[in-house]
């Protein structure tokens, strides 16, 4: 089992960042590597809305009030 850096296929670029308590690795076509910020922003949004560790997240607010109406994103995850 290899623990080194995974190979990046030709024509692709690897974007890595920390999110949701882990490391996210995204492969993007080289010509779209600048669009990696869109993927990172999605993860930041999901973490802000779905984290059980952030008191201001939608999930934490739902838990605090004992139920209620939720966003389509949270409903899909639940």
PDB file of N, CA and C in Angstrom:
ATOM      1  N   UNK A   1       0.833  -1.176   0.000  1.00  0.00           N
ATOM      2  CA  UNK A   1       0.000   0.000   0.000  1.00  0.00           C
ATOM      3  C   UNK A   1       0.879   1.241   0.000  1.00  0.00           C
ATOM      4  N   UNK A   2       0.632   2.146  -0.924  1.00  0.00           N
ATOM      5  CA  UNK A   2       1.415   3.360  -1.042  1.00  0.00           C
ATOM      6  C   UNK A   2       0.841   4.460  -0.159  1.00  0.00           C
ATOM      7  N   UNK A   3       1.717   5.176   0.514  1.00  0.00           N
ATOM      8  CA  UNK A   3       1.275   6.300   1.332  1.00  0.00           C
ATOM      9  C   UNK A   3       1.803   7.616   0.786  1.00  0.00           C
ATOM     10  N   UNK A   4       2.439   7.570  -0.391  1.00  0.00           N
ATOM     11  CA  UNK A   4       2.981   8.777  -0.992  1.00  0.00           C
ATOM     12  C   UNK A   4       1.903   9.593  -1.686  1.00  0.00           C
ATOM     13  N   UNK A   5       2.340  10.642  -2.340  1.00  0.00           N
ATOM     14  CA  UNK A   5       1.434  11.505  -3.089  1.00  0.00           C
ATOM     15  C   UNK A   5       0.911  10.759  -4.297  1.00  0.00           C
ATOM     16  N   UNK A   6      -0.414  10.775  -4.504  1.00  0.00           N
ATOM     17  CA  UNK A   6      -0.970  10.095  -5.675  1.00  0.00           C
ATOM     18  C   UNK A   6      -0.497  10.754  -6.962  1.00  0.00           C
ATOM     19  N   UNK A   7      -0.411   9.952  -7.997  1.00  0.00           N
ATOM     20  CA  UNK A   7      -0.025  10.487  -9.297  1.00  0.00           C
ATOM     21  C   UNK A   7      -1.127  11.372  -9.846  1.00  0.00           C
ATOM     22  N   UNK A   8      -0.724  12.406 -10.556  1.00  0.00           N
ATOM     23  CA  UNK A   8      -1.685  13.291 -11.204  1.00  0.00           C
ATOM     24  C   UNK A   8      -1.652  12.987 -12.697  1.00  0.00           C
ATOM     25  N   UNK A   9      -2.791  12.563 -13.255  1.00  0.00           N
ATOM     26  CA  UNK A   9      -2.825  12.237 -14.691  1.00  0.00           C
ATOM     27  C   UNK A   9      -2.443  13.436 -15.549  1.00  0.00           C
ATOM     28  N   UNK A  10      -1.912  13.157 -16.728  1.00  0.00           N
ATOM     29  CA  UNK A  10      -1.539  14.210 -17.661  1.00  0.00           C
ATOM     30  C   UNK A  10      -2.720  15.110 -17.980  1.00  0.00           C
ATOM     31  N   UNK A  11      -2.464  16.393 -18.077  1.00  0.00           N
ATOM     32  CA  UNK A  11      -3.505  17.350 -18.410  1.00  0.00           C
ATOM     33  C   UNK A  11      -4.369  17.746 -17.225  1.00  0.00           C
ATOM     34  N   UNK A  12      -4.060  17.184 -16.056  1.00  0.00           N
ATOM     35  CA  UNK A  12      -4.847  17.471 -14.855  1.00  0.00           C
ATOM     36  C   UNK A  12      -3.960  18.178 -13.830  1.00  0.00           C
ATOM     37  N   UNK A  13      -4.590  18.890 -12.921  1.00  0.00           N
ATOM     38  CA  UNK A  13      -3.888  19.514 -11.804  1.00  0.00           C
ATOM     39  C   UNK A  13      -4.619  19.131 -10.525  1.00  0.00           C
ATOM     40  N   UNK A  14      -3.859  19.015  -9.464  1.00  0.00           N
ATOM     41  CA  UNK A  14      -4.399  18.606  -8.166  1.00  0.00           C
ATOM     42  C   UNK A  14      -4.506  19.825  -7.260  1.00  0.00           C
ATOM     43  N   UNK A  15      -5.663  19.977  -6.641  1.00  0.00           N
ATOM     44  CA  UNK A  15      -5.897  21.031  -5.671  1.00  0.00           C
ATOM     45  C   UNK A  15      -6.208  20.355  -4.345  1.00  0.00           C
ATOM     46  N   UNK A  16      -5.497  20.723  -3.307  1.00  0.00           N
ATOM     47  CA  UNK A  16      -5.740  20.142  -1.990  1.00  0.00           C
ATOM     48  C   UNK A  16      -6.000  21.215  -0.960  1.00  0.00           C
ATOM     49  N   UNK A  17      -6.913  20.932  -0.041  1.00  0.00           N
ATOM     50  CA  UNK A  17      -7.208  21.871   1.033  1.00  0.00           C
ATOM     51  C   UNK A  17      -7.864  21.122   2.189  1.00  0.00           C
ATOM     52  N   UNK A  18      -7.792  21.721   3.367  1.00  0.00           N
ATOM     53  CA  UNK A  18      -8.418  21.140   4.546  1.00  0.00           C
ATOM     54  C   UNK A  18      -9.880  21.566   4.598  1.00  0.00           C
ATOM     55  N   UNK A  19     -10.750  20.606   4.924  1.00  0.00           N
ATOM     56  CA  UNK A  19     -12.175  20.894   5.084  1.00  0.00           C
ATOM     57  C   UNK A  19     -12.825  19.743   5.836  1.00  0.00           C
ATOM     58  N   UNK A  20     -13.765  20.077   6.695  1.00  0.00           N
ATOM     59  CA  UNK A  20     -14.581  19.081   7.388  1.00  0.00           C
ATOM     60  C   UNK A  20     -13.733  18.059   8.145  1.00  0.00           C
ATOM     61  N   UNK A  21     -12.650  18.523   8.717  1.00  0.00           N
ATOM     62  CA  UNK A  21     -11.808  17.656   9.531  1.00  0.00           C
ATOM     63  C   UNK A  21     -10.961  16.673   8.748  1.00  0.00           C
ATOM     64  N   UNK A  22     -10.786  16.917   7.460  1.00  0.00           N
ATOM     65  CA  UNK A  22      -9.982  16.013   6.638  1.00  0.00           C
ATOM     66  C   UNK A  22      -9.283  16.827   5.556  1.00  0.00           C
ATOM     67  N   UNK A  23      -8.594  16.158   4.696  1.00  0.00           N
ATOM     68  CA  UNK A  23      -7.938  16.806   3.559  1.00  0.00           C
ATOM     69  C   UNK A  23      -8.696  16.408   2.302  1.00  0.00           C
ATOM     70  N   UNK A  24      -9.111  17.397   1.546  1.00  0.00           N
ATOM     71  CA  UNK A  24      -9.833  17.187   0.296  1.00  0.00           C
ATOM     72  C   UNK A  24      -8.851  17.337  -0.859  1.00  0.00           C
ATOM     73  N   UNK A  25      -8.871  16.391  -1.771  1.00  0.00           N
ATOM     74  CA  UNK A  25      -8.039  16.447  -2.974  1.00  0.00           C
ATOM     75  C   UNK A  25      -8.956  16.439  -4.185  1.00  0.00           C
ATOM     76  N   UNK A  26      -8.788  17.422  -5.050  1.00  0.00           N
ATOM     77  CA  UNK A  26      -9.632  17.567  -6.226  1.00  0.00           C
ATOM     78  C   UNK A  26      -8.738  17.551  -7.461  1.00  0.00           C
ATOM     79  N   UNK A  27      -9.135  16.780  -8.459  1.00  0.00           N
ATOM     80  CA  UNK A  27      -8.446  16.791  -9.740  1.00  0.00           C
ATOM     81  C   UNK A  27      -9.233  17.654 -10.712  1.00  0.00           C
ATOM     82  N   UNK A  28      -8.551  18.605 -11.327  1.00  0.00           N
ATOM     83  CA  UNK A  28      -9.187  19.510 -12.275  1.00  0.00           C
ATOM     84  C   UNK A  28      -8.418  19.492 -13.586  1.00  0.00           C
ATOM     85  N   UNK A  29      -9.126  19.647 -14.710  1.00  0.00           N
ATOM     86  CA  UNK A  29      -8.405  19.821 -15.969  1.00  0.00           C
ATOM     87  C   UNK A  29      -7.485  21.038 -15.847  1.00  0.00           C
ATOM     88  N   UNK A  30      -6.288  20.939 -16.363  1.00  0.00           N
ATOM     89  CA  UNK A  30      -5.295  22.003 -16.219  1.00  0.00           C
ATOM     90  C   UNK A  30      -5.839  23.360 -16.640  1.00  0.00           C
ATOM     91  N   UNK A  31      -6.662  23.381 -17.685  1.00  0.00           N
ATOM     92  CA  UNK A  31      -7.174  24.666 -18.169  1.00  0.00           C
ATOM     93  C   UNK A  31      -8.239  25.265 -17.239  1.00  0.00           C
ATOM     94  N   UNK A  32      -8.698  24.488 -16.249  1.00  0.00           N
ATOM     95  CA  UNK A  32      -9.712  24.972 -15.309  1.00  0.00           C
ATOM     96  C   UNK A  32      -9.207  25.029 -13.871  1.00  0.00           C
ATOM     97  N   UNK A  33      -7.919  24.922 -13.676  1.00  0.00           N
ATOM     98  CA  UNK A  33      -7.371  24.878 -12.322  1.00  0.00           C
ATOM     99  C   UNK A  33      -7.706  26.155 -11.546  1.00  0.00           C
ATOM    100  N   UNK A  34      -7.841  27.271 -12.225  1.00  0.00           N
ATOM    101  CA  UNK A  34      -8.196  28.514 -11.532  1.00  0.00           C
ATOM    102  C   UNK A  34      -9.620  28.484 -10.995  1.00  0.00           C
ATOM    103  N   UNK A  35     -10.433  27.545 -11.456  1.00  0.00           N
ATOM    104  CA  UNK A  35     -11.807  27.407 -10.961  1.00  0.00           C
ATOM    105  C   UNK A  35     -11.875  26.578  -9.682  1.00  0.00           C
ATOM    106  N   UNK A  36     -10.742  26.148  -9.196  1.00  0.00           N
ATOM    107  CA  UNK A  36     -10.714  25.366  -7.964  1.00  0.00           C
ATOM    108  C   UNK A  36     -11.304  26.104  -6.784  1.00  0.00           C
ATOM    109  N   UNK A  37     -11.291  27.430  -6.825  1.00  0.00           N
ATOM    110  CA  UNK A  37     -11.873  28.202  -5.728  1.00  0.00           C
ATOM    111  C   UNK A  37     -13.373  27.929  -5.587  1.00  0.00           C
ATOM    112  N   UNK A  38     -14.037  27.542  -6.679  1.00  0.00           N
ATOM    113  CA  UNK A  38     -15.465  27.225  -6.625  1.00  0.00           C
ATOM    114  C   UNK A  38     -15.680  25.969  -5.783  1.00  0.00           C
ATOM    115  N   UNK A  39     -14.842  24.963  -5.985  1.00  0.00           N
ATOM    116  CA  UNK A  39     -14.943  23.720  -5.211  1.00  0.00           C
ATOM    117  C   UNK A  39     -14.663  23.992  -3.739  1.00  0.00           C
ATOM    118  N   UNK A  40     -13.610  24.756  -3.479  1.00  0.00           N
ATOM    119  CA  UNK A  40     -13.263  25.088  -2.099  1.00  0.00           C
ATOM    120  C   UNK A  40     -14.406  25.861  -1.436  1.00  0.00           C
ATOM    121  N   UNK A  41     -15.020  26.798  -2.150  1.00  0.00           N
ATOM    122  CA  UNK A  41     -16.127  27.583  -1.600  1.00  0.00           C
ATOM    123  C   UNK A  41     -17.326  26.686  -1.270  1.00  0.00           C
ATOM    124  N   UNK A  42     -17.582  25.673  -2.102  1.00  0.00           N
ATOM    125  CA  UNK A  42     -18.665  24.729  -1.802  1.00  0.00           C
ATOM    126  C   UNK A  42     -18.417  24.010  -0.488  1.00  0.00           C
ATOM    127  N   UNK A  43     -17.207  23.527  -0.297  1.00  0.00           N
ATOM    128  CA  UNK A  43     -16.880  22.829   0.947  1.00  0.00           C
ATOM    129  C   UNK A  43     -16.972  23.765   2.140  1.00  0.00           C
ATOM    130  N   UNK A  44     -16.523  25.010   1.993  1.00  0.00           N
ATOM    131  CA  UNK A  44     -16.620  25.968   3.090  1.00  0.00           C
ATOM    132  C   UNK A  44     -18.083  26.226   3.444  1.00  0.00           C
ATOM    133  N   UNK A  45     -18.928  26.361   2.432  1.00  0.00           N
ATOM    134  CA  UNK A  45     -20.355  26.576   2.660  1.00  0.00           C
ATOM    135  C   UNK A  45     -20.976  25.370   3.356  1.00  0.00           C
ATOM    136  N   UNK A  46     -20.687  24.178   2.849  1.00  0.00           N
ATOM    137  CA  UNK A  46     -21.240  22.962   3.457  1.00  0.00           C
ATOM    138  C   UNK A  46     -20.801  22.830   4.909  1.00  0.00           C
ATOM    139  N   UNK A  47     -19.530  23.107   5.169  1.00  0.00           N
ATOM    140  CA  UNK A  47     -19.037  22.995   6.536  1.00  0.00           C
ATOM    141  C   UNK A  47     -19.729  24.014   7.442  1.00  0.00           C
ATOM    142  N   UNK A  48     -19.902  25.227   6.974  1.00  0.00           N
ATOM    143  CA  UNK A  48     -20.557  26.267   7.764  1.00  0.00           C
ATOM    144  C   UNK A  48     -22.013  25.923   8.059  1.00  0.00           C
ATOM    145  N   UNK A  49     -22.681  25.257   7.141  1.00  0.00           N
ATOM    146  CA  UNK A  49     -24.103  24.960   7.301  1.00  0.00           C
ATOM    147  C   UNK A  49     -24.381  23.617   7.964  1.00  0.00           C
ATOM    148  N   UNK A  50     -23.462  22.656   7.812  1.00  0.00           N
ATOM    149  CA  UNK A  50     -23.750  21.290   8.234  1.00  0.00           C
ATOM    150  C   UNK A  50     -22.942  20.806   9.438  1.00  0.00           C
ATOM    151  N   UNK A  51     -22.035  21.606   9.944  1.00  0.00           N
ATOM    152  CA  UNK A  51     -21.166  21.161  11.026  1.00  0.00           C
ATOM    153  C   UNK A  51     -21.915  21.028  12.341  1.00  0.00           C
ATOM    154  N   UNK A  52     -21.672  19.932  13.041  1.00  0.00           N
ATOM    155  CA  UNK A  52     -22.244  19.781  14.381  1.00  0.00           C
ATOM    156  C   UNK A  52     -21.357  20.444  15.422  1.00  0.00           C
ATOM    157  N   UNK A  53     -20.199  20.930  15.013  1.00  0.00           N
ATOM    158  CA  UNK A  53     -19.249  21.552  15.927  1.00  0.00           C
ATOM    159  C   UNK A  53     -19.342  23.076  15.926  1.00  0.00           C
ATOM    160  N   UNK A  54     -20.076  23.641  15.001  1.00  0.00           N
ATOM    161  CA  UNK A  54     -20.218  25.100  14.921  1.00  0.00           C
ATOM    162  C   UNK A  54     -21.603  25.485  15.446  1.00  0.00           C
ATOM    163  N   UNK A  55     -21.657  26.242  16.524  1.00  0.00           N
ATOM    164  CA  UNK A  55     -22.957  26.574  17.108  1.00  0.00           C
ATOM    165  C   UNK A  55     -23.848  27.405  16.182  1.00  0.00           C
ATOM    166  N   UNK A  56     -23.265  28.065  15.199  1.00  0.00           N
ATOM    167  CA  UNK A  56     -24.048  28.883  14.281  1.00  0.00           C
ATOM    168  C   UNK A  56     -24.485  28.134  13.022  1.00  0.00           C
ATOM    169  N   UNK A  57     -24.143  26.848  12.913  1.00  0.00           N
ATOM    170  CA  UNK A  57     -24.520  26.088  11.717  1.00  0.00           C
ATOM    171  C   UNK A  57     -26.007  25.772  11.726  1.00  0.00           C
ATOM    172  N   UNK A  58     -26.544  25.526  10.555  1.00  0.00           N
ATOM    173  CA  UNK A  58     -27.958  25.159  10.452  1.00  0.00           C
ATOM    174  C   UNK A  58     -28.253  23.888  11.241  1.00  0.00           C
ATOM    175  N   UNK A  59     -27.361  22.929  11.171  1.00  0.00           N
ATOM    176  CA  UNK A  59     -27.552  21.680  11.905  1.00  0.00           C
ATOM    177  C   UNK A  59     -27.599  21.923  13.413  1.00  0.00           C
ATOM    178  N   UNK A  60     -26.677  22.716  13.926  1.00  0.00           N
ATOM    179  CA  UNK A  60     -26.664  22.994  15.362  1.00  0.00           C
ATOM    180  C   UNK A  60     -27.916  23.742  15.799  1.00  0.00           C
ATOM    181  N   UNK A  61     -28.359  24.677  14.976  1.00  0.00           N
ATOM    182  CA  UNK A  61     -29.585  25.408  15.309  1.00  0.00           C
ATOM    183  C   UNK A  61     -30.793  24.472  15.291  1.00  0.00           C
ATOM    184  N   UNK A  62     -30.828  23.552  14.322  1.00  0.00           N
ATOM    185  CA  UNK A  62     -31.906  22.572  14.254  1.00  0.00           C
ATOM    186  C   UNK A  62     -31.923  21.708  15.514  1.00  0.00           C
ATOM    187  N   UNK A  63     -30.754  21.227  15.909  1.00  0.00           N
ATOM    188  CA  UNK A  63     -30.660  20.406  17.110  1.00  0.00           C
ATOM    189  C   UNK A  63     -31.083  21.178  18.349  1.00  0.00           C
ATOM    190  N   UNK A  64     -30.691  22.449  18.436  1.00  0.00           N
ATOM    191  CA  UNK A  64     -31.011  23.264  19.612  1.00  0.00           C
ATOM    192  C   UNK A  64     -32.517  23.481  19.757  1.00  0.00           C
ATOM    193  N   UNK A  65     -33.216  23.593  18.647  1.00  0.00           N
ATOM    194  CA  UNK A  65     -34.666  23.834  18.740  1.00  0.00           C
ATOM    195  C   UNK A  65     -35.481  22.539  18.686  1.00  0.00           C
ATOM    196  N   UNK A  66     -34.798  21.409  18.526  1.00  0.00           N
ATOM    197  CA  UNK A  66     -35.477  20.117  18.569  1.00  0.00           C
ATOM    198  C   UNK A  66     -36.278  19.772  17.334  1.00  0.00           C
ATOM    199  N   UNK A  67     -35.928  20.334  16.198  1.00  0.00           N
ATOM    200  CA  UNK A  67     -36.611  20.021  14.946  1.00  0.00           C
ATOM    201  C   UNK A  67     -37.075  21.265  14.245  1.00  0.00           C
ATOM    202  N   UNK A  68     -37.779  21.068  13.137  1.00  0.00           N
ATOM    203  CA  UNK A  68     -38.304  22.191  12.373  1.00  0.00           C
ATOM    204  C   UNK A  68     -38.009  22.063  10.895  1.00  0.00           C
ATOM    205  N   UNK A  69     -38.289  23.115  10.184  1.00  0.00           N
ATOM    206  CA  UNK A  69     -38.073  23.165   8.741  1.00  0.00           C
ATOM    207  C   UNK A  69     -36.594  23.381   8.471  1.00  0.00           C
ATOM    208  N   UNK A  70     -36.075  22.666   7.476  1.00  0.00           N
ATOM    209  CA  UNK A  70     -34.658  22.774   7.126  1.00  0.00           C
ATOM    210  C   UNK A  70     -34.501  23.092   5.642  1.00  0.00           C
ATOM    211  N   UNK A  71     -33.320  23.529   5.279  1.00  0.00           N
ATOM    212  CA  UNK A  71     -33.000  23.835   3.887  1.00  0.00           C
ATOM    213  C   UNK A  71     -32.979  22.543   3.069  1.00  0.00           C
ATOM    214  N   UNK A  72     -33.112  22.657   1.748  1.00  0.00           N
ATOM    215  CA  UNK A  72     -33.008  21.470   0.897  1.00  0.00           C
ATOM    216  C   UNK A  72     -31.651  20.761   1.065  1.00  0.00           C
ATOM    217  N   UNK A  73     -30.577  21.525   1.276  1.00  0.00           N
ATOM    218  CA  UNK A  73     -29.260  20.901   1.451  1.00  0.00           C
ATOM    219  C   UNK A  73     -29.258  20.015   2.696  1.00  0.00           C
ATOM    220  N   UNK A  74     -29.691  20.553   3.828  1.00  0.00           N
ATOM    221  CA  UNK A  74     -29.689  19.769   5.054  1.00  0.00           C
ATOM    222  C   UNK A  74     -30.670  18.597   4.955  1.00  0.00           C
ATOM    223  N   UNK A  75     -31.813  18.812   4.358  1.00  0.00           N
ATOM    224  CA  UNK A  75     -32.779  17.717   4.183  1.00  0.00           C
ATOM    225  C   UNK A  75     -32.160  16.589   3.370  1.00  0.00           C
ATOM    226  N   UNK A  76     -31.444  16.922   2.311  1.00  0.00           N
ATOM    227  CA  UNK A  76     -30.796  15.908   1.477  1.00  0.00           C
ATOM    228  C   UNK A  76     -29.739  15.128   2.227  1.00  0.00           C
ATOM    229  N   UNK A  77     -28.999  15.803   3.078  1.00  0.00           N
ATOM    230  CA  UNK A  77     -27.940  15.143   3.856  1.00  0.00           C
ATOM    231  C   UNK A  77     -28.559  14.253   4.923  1.00  0.00           C
ATOM    232  N   UNK A  78     -29.615  14.752   5.552  1.00  0.00           N
ATOM    233  CA  UNK A  78     -30.268  13.956   6.592  1.00  0.00           C
ATOM    234  C   UNK A  78     -30.941  12.734   5.995  1.00  0.00           C
TER     235      UNK A  78
END
